[in-house]
Protein backbone atom coordinates (compact mmCIF):
# COMPACT_ATOMS: atom_id res chain seq x y z
CA MET A 1 11.82 -26.43 107.92
CA LEU A 2 10.44 -28.43 105.00
CA GLY A 3 13.86 -29.27 103.55
CA TRP A 4 15.09 -30.60 106.89
CA PHE A 5 11.89 -32.63 107.36
CA LYS A 6 12.17 -34.22 103.93
CA LYS A 7 15.79 -35.15 104.55
CA LYS A 8 15.04 -36.80 107.90
CA LEU A 9 11.95 -38.58 106.62
CA SER A 10 13.86 -39.84 103.59
CA GLY A 11 16.53 -41.19 105.90
CA LYS A 12 13.95 -43.07 107.98
CA LYS A 13 12.38 -44.62 104.88
CA GLU A 14 15.78 -45.61 103.49
CA GLU A 15 16.64 -47.32 106.79
CA ALA A 16 13.35 -49.22 106.74
CA ALA A 17 13.92 -50.26 103.12
CA ALA A 18 17.47 -51.38 103.91
CA GLU A 19 16.25 -53.50 106.85
CA GLU A 20 13.63 -55.12 104.62
CA THR A 21 16.27 -55.89 101.98
CA VAL A 22 18.48 -57.63 104.56
CA GLU A 23 15.56 -59.68 105.87
CA THR A 24 14.61 -60.76 102.34
CA ALA A 25 18.19 -61.67 101.52
CA ASP A 26 18.37 -63.77 104.69
CA ARG A 27 15.27 -65.69 103.61
CA VAL A 28 16.79 -66.36 100.19
CA ASP A 29 20.04 -67.58 101.75
CA ALA A 30 18.00 -69.93 103.95
CA GLY A 31 16.39 -71.48 100.87
CA GLU A 32 12.96 -69.93 101.38
CA GLU A 33 10.93 -69.18 98.27
CA SER A 34 10.38 -65.50 97.72
CA ALA A 35 8.25 -63.75 95.17
CA PRO A 36 8.70 -60.16 94.15
CA SER A 37 6.60 -57.97 96.40
CA SER A 38 3.79 -55.88 94.96
CA THR A 39 4.29 -53.24 97.62
CA PRO A 40 5.53 -50.00 96.02
CA GLY A 41 9.11 -49.24 96.91
CA THR A 42 9.95 -52.75 98.26
CA LEU A 43 13.49 -53.77 97.36
CA VAL A 44 14.00 -57.25 95.91
CA PRO A 45 17.42 -58.99 95.96
CA ASP A 46 19.28 -59.63 92.71
CA GLU A 47 18.83 -63.41 93.11
CA VAL A 48 15.07 -63.00 92.74
CA ALA A 49 14.65 -59.98 90.50
CA PRO A 50 16.66 -59.56 87.31
CA PRO A 51 19.44 -57.01 87.63
CA MET A 52 18.64 -53.56 86.37
CA LYS A 53 20.58 -52.29 83.41
CA GLU A 54 22.99 -49.53 84.19
CA PRO A 55 21.79 -46.29 82.64
CA ALA A 56 23.80 -44.92 79.79
CA GLU A 57 25.95 -41.92 80.49
CA SER A 58 23.98 -38.76 80.05
CA ASP A 59 24.30 -35.07 80.59
CA GLU A 60 20.68 -34.87 81.81
CA PRO A 61 21.51 -34.19 85.49
CA ALA A 62 23.72 -31.28 84.49
CA GLU A 63 21.09 -30.01 82.09
CA ALA A 64 18.39 -30.29 84.77
CA GLU A 65 20.55 -28.29 87.18
CA GLU A 66 21.05 -25.60 84.55
CA GLN A 67 17.29 -25.44 84.03
CA LYS A 68 16.73 -24.94 87.76
CA LYS A 69 19.00 -21.90 87.92
CA PRO A 70 16.66 -19.55 86.01
CA GLN A 71 13.75 -20.78 88.16
CA ARG A 72 15.66 -20.06 91.40
CA ARG A 73 16.65 -16.66 90.03
CA SER A 74 13.04 -15.93 89.12
CA MET A 75 11.85 -16.86 92.64
CA PHE A 76 14.55 -14.66 94.18
CA GLN A 77 13.46 -11.75 91.98
CA ARG A 78 9.89 -12.26 93.16
CA LEU A 79 11.08 -12.12 96.77
CA GLN A 80 12.98 -8.92 95.95
CA LYS A 81 9.86 -7.30 94.57
CA ARG A 82 7.61 -8.40 97.41
CA LEU A 83 10.03 -6.96 99.98
CA GLY A 84 10.08 -3.67 98.10
CA LYS A 85 8.16 -1.68 100.72
CA SER A 86 10.46 -2.82 103.52
CA ARG A 87 13.50 -2.11 101.37
CA ASN A 88 12.28 1.42 100.60
CA HIS A 89 11.53 2.08 104.25
CA PHE A 90 14.89 0.86 105.52
CA VAL A 91 17.66 0.17 103.01
CA HIS A 92 16.94 3.10 100.71
CA ARG A 93 16.96 5.43 103.69
CA LEU A 94 20.39 4.07 104.60
CA ASP A 95 21.60 4.70 101.06
CA ASN A 96 20.31 8.28 101.18
CA LEU A 97 22.04 8.82 104.52
CA PHE A 98 25.40 7.48 103.34
CA ARG A 99 25.32 9.02 99.88
CA GLY A 100 27.91 11.77 99.50
CA LYS A 101 29.21 11.44 103.06
CA LYS A 102 33.01 11.31 103.34
CA LYS A 103 33.38 10.36 106.96
CA ILE A 104 31.58 8.73 109.87
CA ASP A 105 30.85 11.35 112.51
CA GLN A 106 28.44 11.71 115.42
CA GLU A 107 25.84 13.46 113.29
CA LEU A 108 25.74 10.52 110.89
CA LEU A 109 25.48 8.02 113.76
CA ASP A 110 22.58 9.99 115.28
CA GLU A 111 20.70 9.89 111.97
CA LEU A 112 21.49 6.20 111.62
CA GLU A 113 20.01 5.56 115.09
CA GLU A 114 16.76 7.25 114.06
CA ILE A 115 16.48 5.14 110.90
CA LEU A 116 17.09 1.91 112.81
CA ILE A 117 14.54 2.66 115.53
CA THR A 118 11.82 3.65 113.03
CA ALA A 119 12.39 0.56 110.85
CA ASP A 120 10.41 -1.76 113.17
CA LEU A 121 13.59 -3.40 114.31
CA GLY A 122 12.68 -2.69 117.92
CA VAL A 123 14.70 -0.51 120.27
CA SER A 124 16.85 -3.32 121.66
CA THR A 125 17.70 -4.75 118.23
CA ALA A 126 18.29 -1.27 116.80
CA MET A 127 20.70 -0.43 119.61
CA ASP A 128 22.61 -3.68 119.11
CA LEU A 129 22.98 -2.86 115.41
CA LEU A 130 24.14 0.65 116.23
CA ASP A 131 26.66 -0.70 118.75
CA ALA A 132 28.03 -3.06 116.10
CA ALA A 133 28.52 -0.12 113.75
CA LYS A 134 30.21 1.99 116.45
CA ASP A 135 32.49 -0.88 117.46
CA SER A 136 33.65 -1.28 113.87
CA VAL A 137 34.43 2.45 113.71
CA LYS A 138 36.29 2.39 117.02
CA ARG A 139 38.42 -0.55 115.90
CA GLN A 140 39.15 1.46 112.75
CA GLU A 141 37.86 -1.37 110.63
CA LEU A 142 36.10 1.20 108.49
CA ASN A 143 35.96 4.91 107.90
CA ASP A 144 33.79 4.94 104.79
CA PRO A 145 30.08 5.52 105.52
CA GLN A 146 29.14 3.18 102.66
CA ALA A 147 30.91 0.34 104.47
CA LEU A 148 28.46 0.70 107.37
CA LYS A 149 25.75 -0.83 105.19
CA LYS A 150 27.64 -4.14 105.00
CA VAL A 151 28.23 -4.11 108.76
CA LEU A 152 24.47 -3.72 109.35
CA ARG A 153 23.62 -6.36 106.75
CA ASP A 154 25.98 -8.92 108.27
CA LYS A 155 24.74 -8.21 111.80
CA ILE A 156 21.09 -8.63 110.80
CA LEU A 157 21.98 -11.90 109.07
CA SER A 158 23.67 -13.10 112.26
CA PHE A 159 20.47 -12.38 114.24
CA LEU A 160 18.44 -14.51 111.80
CA GLN A 161 20.97 -17.33 111.77
CA GLU A 162 21.24 -17.45 115.58
CA SER A 163 17.55 -18.35 115.87
CA ASN A 164 17.51 -20.66 112.85
CA GLN A 165 17.48 -24.05 114.60
CA PRO A 166 15.97 -26.66 112.27
CA ALA A 167 17.96 -29.47 113.89
CA GLU A 168 15.82 -29.15 117.02
CA LEU A 169 12.87 -30.55 115.09
CA VAL A 170 13.00 -34.25 115.87
CA LEU A 171 10.76 -36.68 114.05
CA PRO A 172 9.03 -39.25 116.24
CA GLU A 173 10.30 -42.81 116.17
CA SER A 174 6.85 -43.85 114.99
CA GLY A 175 3.67 -42.09 114.01
CA PRO A 176 3.10 -38.80 112.23
CA PHE A 177 4.93 -35.49 112.55
CA VAL A 178 2.36 -33.28 114.31
CA ILE A 179 2.19 -29.50 113.83
CA MET A 180 -0.11 -27.44 116.05
CA VAL A 181 -0.82 -24.03 114.50
CA VAL A 182 -1.84 -21.07 116.68
CA GLY A 183 -2.32 -17.33 116.30
CA VAL A 184 -4.65 -14.38 116.82
CA ASN A 185 -7.67 -13.68 114.61
CA GLY A 186 -7.13 -12.47 111.08
CA VAL A 187 -3.43 -13.31 110.60
CA GLY A 188 -4.01 -15.79 107.76
CA LYS A 189 -3.63 -18.90 109.89
CA THR A 190 -5.95 -21.28 108.01
CA THR A 191 -4.65 -20.11 104.63
CA SER A 192 -1.08 -20.69 105.81
CA ILE A 193 -2.03 -24.22 106.92
CA GLY A 194 -3.40 -24.96 103.46
CA LYS A 195 -0.21 -23.71 101.81
CA ILE A 196 2.02 -25.68 104.21
CA ALA A 197 -0.05 -28.79 103.52
CA ALA A 198 0.47 -28.22 99.80
CA LYS A 199 4.24 -28.06 100.33
CA PHE A 200 4.31 -31.37 102.19
CA ALA A 201 1.94 -33.04 99.70
CA ARG A 202 4.04 -31.93 96.74
CA SER A 203 7.11 -33.45 98.40
CA GLY A 204 5.35 -36.81 98.52
CA GLN A 205 4.20 -36.89 102.17
CA SER A 206 0.74 -38.01 103.25
CA VAL A 207 -0.96 -35.15 105.09
CA LEU A 208 -3.97 -34.99 107.41
CA LEU A 209 -5.57 -31.68 108.40
CA ILE A 210 -7.60 -31.29 111.60
CA ALA A 211 -10.18 -28.50 111.87
CA GLY A 212 -9.71 -27.57 115.52
CA ASP A 213 -11.34 -24.16 115.02
CA THR A 214 -14.89 -25.27 115.74
CA PHE A 215 -16.19 -21.84 116.77
CA ARG A 216 -16.55 -20.60 113.20
CA ALA A 217 -18.30 -22.73 110.59
CA ALA A 218 -16.51 -20.64 107.97
CA ALA A 219 -13.13 -21.77 109.32
CA ILE A 220 -14.13 -25.44 108.98
CA ASP A 221 -15.39 -24.83 105.44
CA GLN A 222 -12.23 -22.92 104.53
CA LEU A 223 -10.00 -25.77 105.70
CA LYS A 224 -12.12 -28.30 103.76
CA ILE A 225 -11.75 -26.18 100.62
CA TRP A 226 -7.98 -26.18 101.09
CA GLY A 227 -8.08 -29.94 101.64
CA GLU A 228 -9.86 -30.43 98.31
CA ARG A 229 -7.56 -27.99 96.59
CA VAL A 230 -4.33 -29.72 97.63
CA ASP A 231 -5.89 -33.22 97.76
CA VAL A 232 -5.42 -34.00 101.45
CA GLU A 233 -7.95 -35.35 103.95
CA VAL A 234 -9.57 -33.12 106.58
CA VAL A 235 -10.98 -34.27 109.95
CA ALA A 236 -13.74 -31.96 111.17
CA GLY A 237 -16.57 -32.02 113.68
CA PRO A 238 -19.82 -30.04 113.69
CA PRO A 239 -19.63 -26.30 114.43
CA LYS A 240 -19.51 -25.41 118.13
CA SER A 241 -18.30 -28.90 119.08
CA ASP A 242 -15.52 -29.32 121.64
CA PRO A 243 -12.25 -28.54 119.82
CA SER A 244 -10.24 -30.83 122.09
CA SER A 245 -12.49 -33.75 121.16
CA VAL A 246 -12.11 -33.09 117.44
CA VAL A 247 -8.34 -32.82 117.83
CA PHE A 248 -8.18 -36.03 119.88
CA ASP A 249 -10.08 -37.99 117.22
CA GLY A 250 -8.04 -36.44 114.43
CA VAL A 251 -4.67 -37.29 115.96
CA ALA A 252 -5.91 -40.83 116.70
CA LYS A 253 -6.75 -41.21 113.01
CA GLY A 254 -3.36 -39.81 112.00
CA VAL A 255 -1.64 -42.40 114.17
CA ALA A 256 -3.87 -45.30 113.11
CA LYS A 257 -3.57 -44.53 109.39
CA ASP A 258 0.17 -43.81 109.66
CA TYR A 259 0.10 -40.36 108.08
CA ASP A 260 3.45 -38.65 107.60
CA VAL A 261 2.23 -35.21 108.70
CA VAL A 262 -0.74 -34.03 110.79
CA ILE A 263 -1.47 -30.28 110.87
CA ILE A 264 -3.93 -28.94 113.44
CA ASP A 265 -5.81 -25.69 113.01
CA THR A 266 -6.92 -23.91 116.18
CA ALA A 267 -9.30 -21.03 116.73
CA GLY A 268 -7.84 -17.55 116.52
CA ARG A 269 -7.65 -15.92 119.92
CA LEU A 270 -6.34 -12.76 121.48
CA HIS A 271 -3.03 -13.44 123.16
CA THR A 272 -4.27 -11.41 126.15
CA SER A 273 -7.31 -13.66 126.78
CA VAL A 274 -6.49 -15.89 129.75
CA ASN A 275 -9.43 -18.30 129.28
CA LEU A 276 -8.74 -18.89 125.59
CA MET A 277 -5.04 -19.43 126.23
CA GLU A 278 -5.93 -22.03 128.87
CA GLU A 279 -8.07 -23.79 126.27
CA LEU A 280 -5.06 -23.82 123.95
CA LYS A 281 -3.00 -25.51 126.67
CA LYS A 282 -5.72 -28.15 126.97
CA ILE A 283 -5.64 -28.84 123.24
CA LYS A 284 -1.88 -29.29 123.41
CA ARG A 285 -2.26 -31.79 126.28
CA VAL A 286 -4.94 -33.73 124.36
CA ILE A 287 -2.65 -34.04 121.33
CA GLY A 288 -0.11 -35.84 123.52
CA LYS A 289 -2.62 -38.46 124.69
CA ASN A 290 -2.47 -40.28 121.33
CA LEU A 291 1.21 -39.59 120.64
CA SER A 292 3.26 -38.80 123.73
CA THR A 293 5.91 -36.76 121.91
CA ALA A 294 3.39 -34.60 120.03
CA PRO A 295 3.00 -31.85 119.07
CA HIS A 296 6.46 -31.82 117.55
CA GLU A 297 6.07 -28.26 116.30
CA VAL A 298 3.97 -25.48 117.80
CA MET A 299 3.82 -22.89 115.04
CA LEU A 300 2.68 -19.33 115.63
CA VAL A 301 1.35 -17.43 112.63
CA VAL A 302 1.79 -13.66 112.89
CA ASP A 303 0.84 -10.82 110.58
CA ALA A 304 3.97 -8.83 109.71
CA THR A 305 1.91 -5.67 109.17
CA THR A 306 1.26 -5.47 112.93
CA GLY A 307 4.91 -4.57 113.55
CA GLN A 308 5.98 -4.59 117.17
CA ASN A 309 2.65 -6.07 118.30
CA ALA A 310 3.81 -9.31 116.68
CA VAL A 311 6.58 -9.50 119.29
CA SER A 312 4.05 -9.20 122.12
CA GLN A 313 1.94 -11.95 120.55
CA ALA A 314 4.94 -14.23 120.22
CA LYS A 315 5.99 -13.69 123.85
CA LEU A 316 2.57 -14.52 125.34
CA PHE A 317 1.87 -17.51 123.08
CA ASN A 318 5.36 -18.79 123.86
CA GLU A 319 4.70 -18.55 127.59
CA ALA A 320 1.42 -20.46 127.19
CA VAL A 321 2.27 -23.31 124.81
CA GLY A 322 5.98 -23.06 123.97
CA ILE A 323 6.34 -21.79 120.41
CA THR A 324 8.92 -23.70 118.35
CA GLY A 325 8.50 -21.98 114.98
CA LEU A 326 7.02 -18.91 113.30
CA THR A 327 5.22 -18.17 110.06
CA LEU A 328 5.15 -14.49 109.10
CA THR A 329 2.39 -13.54 106.67
CA LYS A 330 1.76 -10.43 104.54
CA LEU A 331 5.40 -9.35 104.26
CA ASP A 332 4.62 -8.14 100.75
CA GLY A 333 2.10 -5.60 102.02
CA THR A 334 4.16 -3.91 104.71
CA ALA A 335 7.19 -1.70 105.19
CA LYS A 336 7.76 -3.44 108.54
CA GLY A 337 9.99 -6.26 107.34
CA GLY A 338 12.44 -5.38 110.10
CA ILE A 339 10.13 -7.23 112.48
CA VAL A 340 11.69 -10.49 111.23
CA ALA A 341 15.09 -9.51 112.63
CA ASN A 342 13.55 -8.21 115.84
CA ILE A 343 11.60 -11.41 116.60
CA CYS A 344 14.59 -13.63 115.84
CA HIS A 345 16.96 -11.50 117.93
CA GLU A 346 14.72 -11.01 120.95
CA LEU A 347 12.92 -14.36 121.20
CA LYS A 348 15.35 -16.78 119.51
CA ILE A 349 12.39 -18.52 117.84
CA PRO A 350 13.15 -19.70 114.30
CA VAL A 351 11.11 -18.45 111.35
CA ARG A 352 9.90 -21.42 109.29
CA PHE A 353 7.90 -19.72 106.53
CA ILE A 354 7.26 -16.21 105.19
CA GLY A 355 4.21 -15.17 103.20
CA ILE A 356 4.86 -12.77 100.32
CA GLY A 357 1.60 -13.02 98.37
CA GLU A 358 -1.72 -14.74 97.80
CA GLN A 359 -0.59 -17.66 95.62
CA VAL A 360 0.23 -21.11 97.03
CA ASP A 361 3.90 -20.71 96.08
CA ASP A 362 4.06 -17.34 97.85
CA LEU A 363 4.50 -19.07 101.20
CA ARG A 364 8.27 -19.51 101.13
CA ASP A 365 10.57 -21.65 103.25
CA PHE A 366 12.53 -19.06 105.21
CA ASP A 367 16.19 -18.81 104.23
CA PRO A 368 18.01 -16.17 106.33
CA GLU A 369 20.68 -15.41 103.74
CA GLU A 370 18.21 -15.25 100.86
CA PHE A 371 15.96 -12.93 102.88
CA VAL A 372 18.78 -10.54 103.76
CA ASP A 373 20.11 -10.58 100.19
CA ALA A 374 16.65 -9.69 98.87
CA LEU A 375 16.18 -6.96 101.48
CA PHE A 376 19.54 -5.30 100.79
CA SER A 377 19.63 -5.99 97.05
CA VAL A 378 19.82 -3.44 94.28
CA GLY A 379 19.04 -3.75 90.62
CA GLU A 380 15.59 -5.32 90.57
CA GLU A 381 13.94 -2.31 92.11
CA SER A 382 10.45 -2.69 90.72
CA ASP A 383 8.00 -3.03 93.56
CA SER A 384 5.17 -4.21 91.38
CA VAL A 385 3.67 -7.57 92.24
């Protein structure tokens, strides 16, 4: 999600800068005096500002790219390690099943079905994977049991890619990009907000956090601590105040101060609580009173360790407020990584971020291919953190 957002926002700023350059050039052509602007980033025509010297040829870009490769490799290795429990629970069991087998028979397919169903892929997703394997056998595309692993890998990747729809996130024509974050108690929602804010801030965007969880003073304090930590402003009201009122004031400030991103925390609530879900609907309506197109993203944070219960949460929150993106936390502490494929396949809701540890950088932008590569990888088998 973040990469797409940065690209779109950069495009908007470039368009604005280009328009300003044309207007300035028109004034110069008309004989108007023009002084170089002190506004950061303002472009000044060559007639006013001295031309910049062309940089000497250098191999620095190539060297910088070479330096990034070890860093990307290191981050991928970290993802491999953090998915170790899920890999042991699923991929290693596949390897043990296929090892030494010379042909694909009914006994092997029955054992494969058991592994798929117990891997937190969900019955429906597991059956679709099994059907894909059987179809490949029937078409005589394979007869080597080891080749089944690639069939399953490619099918899981297709599930993740089908739901990966970053282009549906549309920035508003004016005003901030507003993210409303929801979830049940204890999933790591406020911590995830702090880490997402850090990502946007590091990419150069101005970020405003709104403490919409007014029921717990600790939640307000936690968000303020994150605000100080990543150097972004936090709008908060007194404990027990009306969350809709706090959110209304916060969004109004985000619009008035022209923030790039506004992220709204909401109180954790059971997805089965009708009254609390109605309150969430009200908060969503209030957000739109200051910016008619907002919220632009309704992000559900789910704890991956809950397995299939995460699917139930996603379904009910989606019915109430229309979920547009998911953040899955605690993937490093569970063997239930298959839940990612199940949610994407069943609900067609894109995963934006995955949490694989406690550090700020351990909230990763979700890349379907990278995730599947790390899950099915061999070589870096250490599961230590």
